[in-house]
């Protein structure tokens, strides 16, 4: 295998129409009480970091101790909004075709690098029949660490354990829609493909240091060529 492709979800593979954030806030309120942190944008953040920022007056270790119960409640909230998610959100244009093409490409292994906890990542993709295109088990998630750049080694180690192949440097491709995705890739020496399908413009993503920027994924051939560095 020549490429380990690490996909972000929100703003890259899927648009949620605000449903994911509503589910997350409802679960936090049910688990930890009224949110005390000032409002902030979630884009590019891990769920752990969102939790810490939402409750700045709470001990972080104490918050993490309650994570199992929080995850159960979050999944309840997300599942209860499944129809609303389908109505207001959905796959980004062209993403299904790109995922399918890469899945069928020799020497390519694709998984997730996302701020979502693993359970919500799997659920979101399964809502739209996209989960089978990626090896979710070797991905890296917001449930692994709060700091996004720290997630890449989790995916690398899991890929090595499962496939006997250790990826490094430009063999790793990070695909995302925020400057945080770009910073994550840069911190790990990966190649970074940014897509301007989220809250940030192409110019902002270029200025952040992405190796390539796509407006969207609607042209499958071009998207695949750029992702694979051909």
Foldseek 3Di string as FASTA:
>chain_A
DQAEEAEEPDLAFKDQLCQLVVLLLVLCCVQPNQFDADDDDCPLFASLLVSCRRCVVDDSVVVLVCVVVSVVSSVVSSVVCLVVRVVRMATFAQNQVLLVVQLPDPPYAYEHQYSADLVVVCVVCVSHVRNVSHDHVLAFYNNVDRQSLVRVVSSQVSCCVVPVDGDAAQSYEQEEADLSSVVSCVVGNYAYEHEPRHDDDQVRNVVSPHPYYHPGNNPNVVVNCVRVVD
